Amino acid sequence: MAKMDGKVALITGGASGLGAEDARVLAREGARVVITDVQDRLGQEVAASIPDCLYLNHDVRDEARWREVVEATIDRFGRLDTLVNNAGLVRFAHIELMSYADYKLQVDVMLDGTFLGCHVALPHMSKDGSGAIINMASIAGLMGISAIPAYSAAKAGIIGMTRSIAVHCREQGYKIRCNAIAPGGIATPMTAQAVAELPDDDPGRAQTNAFGMGQPSDIANMVLYLACEDGRHITGTTITIDNGETVA
């Protein structure tokens, strides 16, 4: 029996990178998967490669659209067990140069998007022990990285929100776990573009060289662990996957 048999997973930012790999791994283990994104062509291609996968256009900043997405998921598959709040982006500039517009965009997509996902989806999630929320944080929310203050703020907020939601679920008697994952550098299209934009002497390049880049499967396998019965005794925590970067 596959680890996700009978379960339904909703994954934001599923058109590429971590979200697409999460979808493939969960589907491989028997989950029926809904992926959402604003990159329609890529999202449709990923969905077409996964049996019985539904792709939906979805701006995670839009509360009304969140309600439509959750409703469409339940209409299609009858339940919702796993929510992976993965949608994200990064803009480089230190605090003196970053525009307020770039700051707001990152916080709105990642922190507000995660809030909206949990706020809207939680009342509809399975509360029989199979419910799991997995929020994508980052080591940027745990350590100081001068070039990405807005990204760091959003990811640190996600870590705090994750703890709060886990406590709420326990207090309400919901059998729903809520955890975060904090990746270091992972080889995705987003990080490749971000690193390419860095100046040659930027400290971020030295960090990448020192600790290497993980693969999307390194994160997706942890998403699977937290979503399935293996992770039944884990909630309210942030799991760091960074090849030791935060303890160096």
Protein backbone atom coordinates (compact mmCIF):
# COMPACT_ATOMS: atom_id res chain seq x y z
CA MET A 1 0.00 0.00 0.00
CA ALA A 2 1.41 3.39 -1.02
CA LYS A 3 1.91 5.95 1.75
CA MET A 4 -0.62 8.46 0.39
CA ASP A 5 -3.35 6.11 -0.84
CA GLY A 6 -6.77 7.70 -0.50
CA LYS A 7 -5.38 11.15 0.31
CA VAL A 8 -5.79 14.41 -1.58
CA ALA A 9 -3.07 17.07 -1.69
CA LEU A 10 -3.26 20.73 -2.73
CA ILE A 11 0.09 22.30 -3.65
CA THR A 12 0.62 25.96 -4.51
CA GLY A 13 3.46 27.03 -6.78
CA GLY A 14 3.21 23.62 -8.41
CA ALA A 15 4.21 24.57 -11.95
CA SER A 16 7.95 24.16 -11.42
CA GLY A 17 10.71 23.59 -8.90
CA LEU A 18 9.82 22.36 -5.45
CA GLY A 19 6.07 22.40 -5.98
CA ALA A 20 6.23 20.28 -9.12
CA GLU A 21 8.49 17.73 -7.43
CA ASP A 22 6.22 17.65 -4.37
CA ALA A 23 3.32 16.83 -6.68
CA ARG A 24 5.21 14.03 -8.42
CA VAL A 25 6.38 12.42 -5.19
CA LEU A 26 2.99 12.58 -3.46
CA ALA A 27 1.24 11.25 -6.57
CA ARG A 28 3.79 8.44 -6.86
CA GLU A 29 2.75 7.41 -3.35
CA GLY A 30 -0.93 7.32 -4.26
CA ALA A 31 -2.19 10.86 -3.60
CA ARG A 32 -4.59 12.62 -5.91
CA VAL A 33 -3.06 16.02 -6.47
CA VAL A 34 -4.20 19.55 -7.25
CA ILE A 35 -1.47 21.99 -8.25
CA THR A 36 -1.94 25.74 -8.55
CA ASP A 37 0.18 28.51 -10.01
CA VAL A 38 0.07 31.59 -12.23
CA GLN A 39 2.36 29.95 -14.82
CA ASP A 40 -0.41 28.26 -16.76
CA ARG A 41 1.61 26.59 -19.52
CA LEU A 42 4.09 25.05 -17.13
CA GLY A 43 1.37 24.09 -14.68
CA GLN A 44 -0.66 22.34 -17.33
CA GLU A 45 2.44 20.45 -18.49
CA VAL A 46 3.17 19.23 -14.97
CA ALA A 47 -0.46 18.21 -14.44
CA ALA A 48 -0.48 16.32 -17.74
CA SER A 49 2.52 14.28 -16.55
CA ILE A 50 0.77 13.16 -13.34
CA PRO A 51 -2.24 10.79 -13.45
CA ASP A 52 -5.55 12.42 -12.46
CA CYS A 53 -3.84 15.71 -11.52
CA LEU A 54 -5.83 18.95 -11.60
CA TYR A 55 -4.16 22.27 -12.46
CA LEU A 56 -5.79 25.59 -11.45
CA ASN A 57 -4.68 29.15 -12.09
CA HIS A 58 -4.29 30.72 -8.68
CA ASP A 59 -2.91 33.97 -7.32
CA VAL A 60 -2.33 33.07 -3.67
CA ARG A 61 -2.86 36.70 -2.64
CA ASP A 62 -6.54 36.48 -3.61
CA GLU A 63 -8.79 35.26 -0.78
CA ALA A 64 -11.79 34.72 -3.05
CA ARG A 65 -9.70 32.61 -5.41
CA TRP A 66 -8.47 30.55 -2.48
CA ARG A 67 -12.09 29.71 -1.66
CA GLU A 68 -12.70 28.70 -5.27
CA VAL A 69 -9.59 26.51 -5.35
CA VAL A 70 -10.47 24.68 -2.14
CA GLU A 71 -14.05 24.20 -3.34
CA ALA A 72 -12.83 22.87 -6.70
CA THR A 73 -10.50 20.44 -4.94
CA ILE A 74 -13.28 19.01 -2.79
CA ASP A 75 -15.73 18.95 -5.70
CA ARG A 76 -13.23 16.96 -7.78
CA PHE A 77 -11.85 14.58 -5.15
CA GLY A 78 -14.25 14.71 -2.20
CA ARG A 79 -11.76 15.66 0.51
CA LEU A 80 -8.57 17.58 1.33
CA ASP A 81 -5.86 15.98 3.46
CA THR A 82 -2.64 17.80 2.66
CA LEU A 83 -2.00 21.50 2.01
CA VAL A 84 1.48 22.51 0.84
CA ASN A 85 1.92 26.28 0.88
CA ASN A 86 4.85 26.45 -1.50
CA ALA A 87 4.31 29.48 -3.77
CA GLY A 88 7.15 31.97 -3.55
CA LEU A 89 9.55 34.35 -5.23
CA VAL A 90 12.65 36.34 -4.33
CA ARG A 91 13.90 39.84 -5.13
CA PHE A 92 17.47 40.79 -4.26
CA ALA A 93 18.35 44.17 -2.70
CA HIS A 94 19.61 45.09 0.74
CA ILE A 95 17.43 47.15 3.07
CA GLU A 96 18.68 50.52 1.82
CA LEU A 97 17.94 49.75 -1.83
CA MET A 98 14.88 47.49 -1.78
CA SER A 99 11.74 49.22 -2.98
CA TYR A 100 8.59 49.03 -0.91
CA ALA A 101 6.83 47.51 -3.93
CA ASP A 102 9.32 44.61 -4.05
CA TYR A 103 9.05 44.16 -0.29
CA LYS A 104 5.25 44.07 -0.44
CA LEU A 105 5.19 41.64 -3.36
CA GLN A 106 7.31 39.07 -1.52
CA VAL A 107 5.49 39.39 1.79
CA ASP A 108 2.08 39.34 0.10
CA VAL A 109 2.83 36.19 -1.91
CA MET A 110 4.63 34.16 0.73
CA LEU A 111 3.42 35.29 4.15
CA ASP A 112 -0.08 36.48 3.26
CA GLY A 113 -0.48 33.64 0.77
CA THR A 114 0.36 31.11 3.47
CA PHE A 115 -2.03 32.77 5.90
CA LEU A 116 -4.85 32.72 3.36
CA GLY A 117 -4.21 29.10 2.47
CA CYS A 118 -4.37 27.99 6.09
CA HIS A 119 -7.28 30.30 6.91
CA VAL A 120 -9.43 29.10 4.02
CA ALA A 121 -8.43 25.43 3.80
CA LEU A 122 -8.26 24.45 7.47
CA PRO A 123 -12.05 24.24 8.08
CA HIS A 124 -12.36 21.88 5.10
CA MET A 125 -9.41 19.60 5.85
CA SER A 126 -9.73 16.02 7.05
CA LYS A 127 -9.63 15.92 10.84
CA ASP A 128 -9.41 12.13 11.18
CA GLY A 129 -5.63 12.12 11.60
CA SER A 130 -4.73 12.39 7.93
CA GLY A 131 -4.69 16.21 7.84
CA ALA A 132 -1.32 17.88 7.34
CA ILE A 133 -0.32 21.45 6.51
CA ILE A 134 3.23 21.93 5.27
CA ASN A 135 4.46 25.50 4.92
CA MET A 136 7.57 26.25 2.91
CA ALA A 137 9.90 28.42 4.97
CA SER A 138 13.64 28.90 4.39
CA ILE A 139 16.91 29.15 6.25
CA ALA A 140 16.57 32.84 5.37
CA GLY A 141 13.98 32.97 8.15
CA LEU A 142 16.50 31.53 10.62
CA MET A 143 19.75 33.39 9.82
CA GLY A 144 20.80 36.80 8.61
CA ILE A 145 21.19 37.22 4.84
CA SER A 146 21.61 40.88 3.95
CA ALA A 147 20.56 40.65 0.29
CA ILE A 148 17.01 39.38 0.92
CA PRO A 149 15.38 41.26 3.82
CA ALA A 150 11.80 40.92 2.55
CA TYR A 151 12.17 37.23 1.70
CA SER A 152 13.72 36.66 5.14
CA ALA A 153 10.89 38.51 6.86
CA ALA A 154 8.24 36.49 5.03
CA LYS A 155 9.90 33.17 5.78
CA ALA A 156 10.45 34.03 9.46
CA GLY A 157 6.77 34.95 9.66
CA ILE A 158 5.81 31.59 8.15
CA ILE A 159 7.79 29.81 10.86
CA GLY A 160 5.97 31.69 13.61
CA MET A 161 2.59 31.21 11.95
CA THR A 162 3.22 27.48 11.63
CA ARG A 163 3.72 27.16 15.38
CA SER A 164 0.57 29.13 16.09
CA ILE A 165 -1.54 27.00 13.75
CA ALA A 166 -0.20 23.78 15.24
CA VAL A 167 -1.18 24.94 18.73
CA HIS A 168 -4.62 26.02 17.50
CA CYS A 169 -5.27 22.60 15.96
CA ARG A 170 -4.26 20.88 19.18
CA GLU A 171 -6.44 23.18 21.29
CA GLN A 172 -9.44 22.58 19.02
CA GLY A 173 -8.95 18.82 19.02
CA TYR A 174 -8.32 18.76 15.28
CA LYS A 175 -6.13 15.87 14.22
CA ILE A 176 -4.31 18.14 11.79
CA ARG A 177 -0.56 18.63 11.96
CA CYS A 178 1.16 21.83 10.82
CA ASN A 179 4.88 21.97 10.12
CA ALA A 180 7.35 24.04 8.13
CA ILE A 181 10.36 23.08 6.06
CA ALA A 182 13.34 25.44 5.84
CA PRO A 183 15.46 24.59 2.79
CA GLY A 184 18.89 25.97 2.11
CA GLY A 185 19.97 26.36 -1.50
CA ILE A 186 18.00 24.03 -3.77
CA ALA A 187 18.56 23.70 -7.51
CA THR A 188 15.32 25.10 -8.95
CA PRO A 189 14.60 27.54 -11.78
CA MET A 190 13.90 30.28 -9.21
CA THR A 191 17.20 29.86 -7.38
CA ALA A 192 19.15 29.51 -10.63
CA GLN A 193 17.80 32.85 -11.82
CA ALA A 194 18.41 34.43 -8.42
CA VAL A 195 22.03 33.27 -8.22
CA ALA A 196 22.65 34.44 -11.79
CA GLU A 197 21.61 37.94 -10.74
CA LEU A 198 24.15 38.09 -7.90
CA PRO A 199 27.38 40.07 -8.40
CA ASP A 200 30.52 37.95 -8.59
CA ASP A 201 31.66 39.14 -5.16
CA ASP A 202 28.31 38.66 -3.41
CA PRO A 203 28.52 36.53 -0.21
CA GLY A 204 25.64 34.41 -1.53
CA ARG A 205 27.91 32.92 -4.17
CA ALA A 206 30.44 31.87 -1.54
CA GLN A 207 27.66 30.25 0.51
CA THR A 208 26.44 28.31 -2.52
CA ASN A 209 29.95 27.09 -3.26
CA ALA A 210 30.59 26.12 0.36
CA PHE A 211 27.40 24.15 1.01
CA GLY A 212 26.32 23.10 -2.46
CA MET A 213 22.81 22.97 -3.86
CA GLY A 214 20.29 20.36 -2.84
CA GLN A 215 17.80 18.79 -5.22
CA PRO A 216 14.01 19.29 -5.22
CA SER A 217 13.61 15.64 -4.25
CA ASP A 218 15.44 16.37 -0.97
CA ILE A 219 12.53 18.61 -0.02
CA ALA A 220 9.75 16.57 -1.63
CA ASN A 221 10.72 13.47 0.32
CA MET A 222 10.34 15.44 3.56
CA VAL A 223 6.97 16.78 2.37
CA LEU A 224 5.93 13.16 1.88
CA TYR A 225 7.17 12.18 5.33
CA LEU A 226 5.23 15.00 7.00
CA ALA A 227 2.10 14.35 4.94
CA CYS A 228 1.85 10.61 5.50
CA GLU A 229 1.49 8.38 8.54
CA ASP A 230 5.27 8.43 9.08
CA GLY A 231 5.01 12.01 10.37
CA ARG A 232 2.04 11.39 12.67
CA HIS A 233 3.89 12.55 15.83
CA ILE A 234 5.39 15.75 14.37
CA THR A 235 3.67 19.12 14.57
CA GLY A 236 4.62 22.74 15.21
CA THR A 237 8.21 22.30 14.14
CA THR A 238 10.48 23.61 11.39
CA ILE A 239 12.71 21.04 9.72
CA THR A 240 15.90 22.45 8.23
CA ILE A 241 17.34 20.86 5.08
CA ASP A 242 20.49 22.81 4.31
CA ASN A 243 23.57 20.55 4.40
CA GLY A 244 24.55 22.11 7.73
CA GLU A 245 24.58 25.74 6.58
CA THR A 246 22.75 27.09 9.62
CA VAL A 247 25.12 25.36 12.05
CA ALA A 248 28.39 26.17 10.26
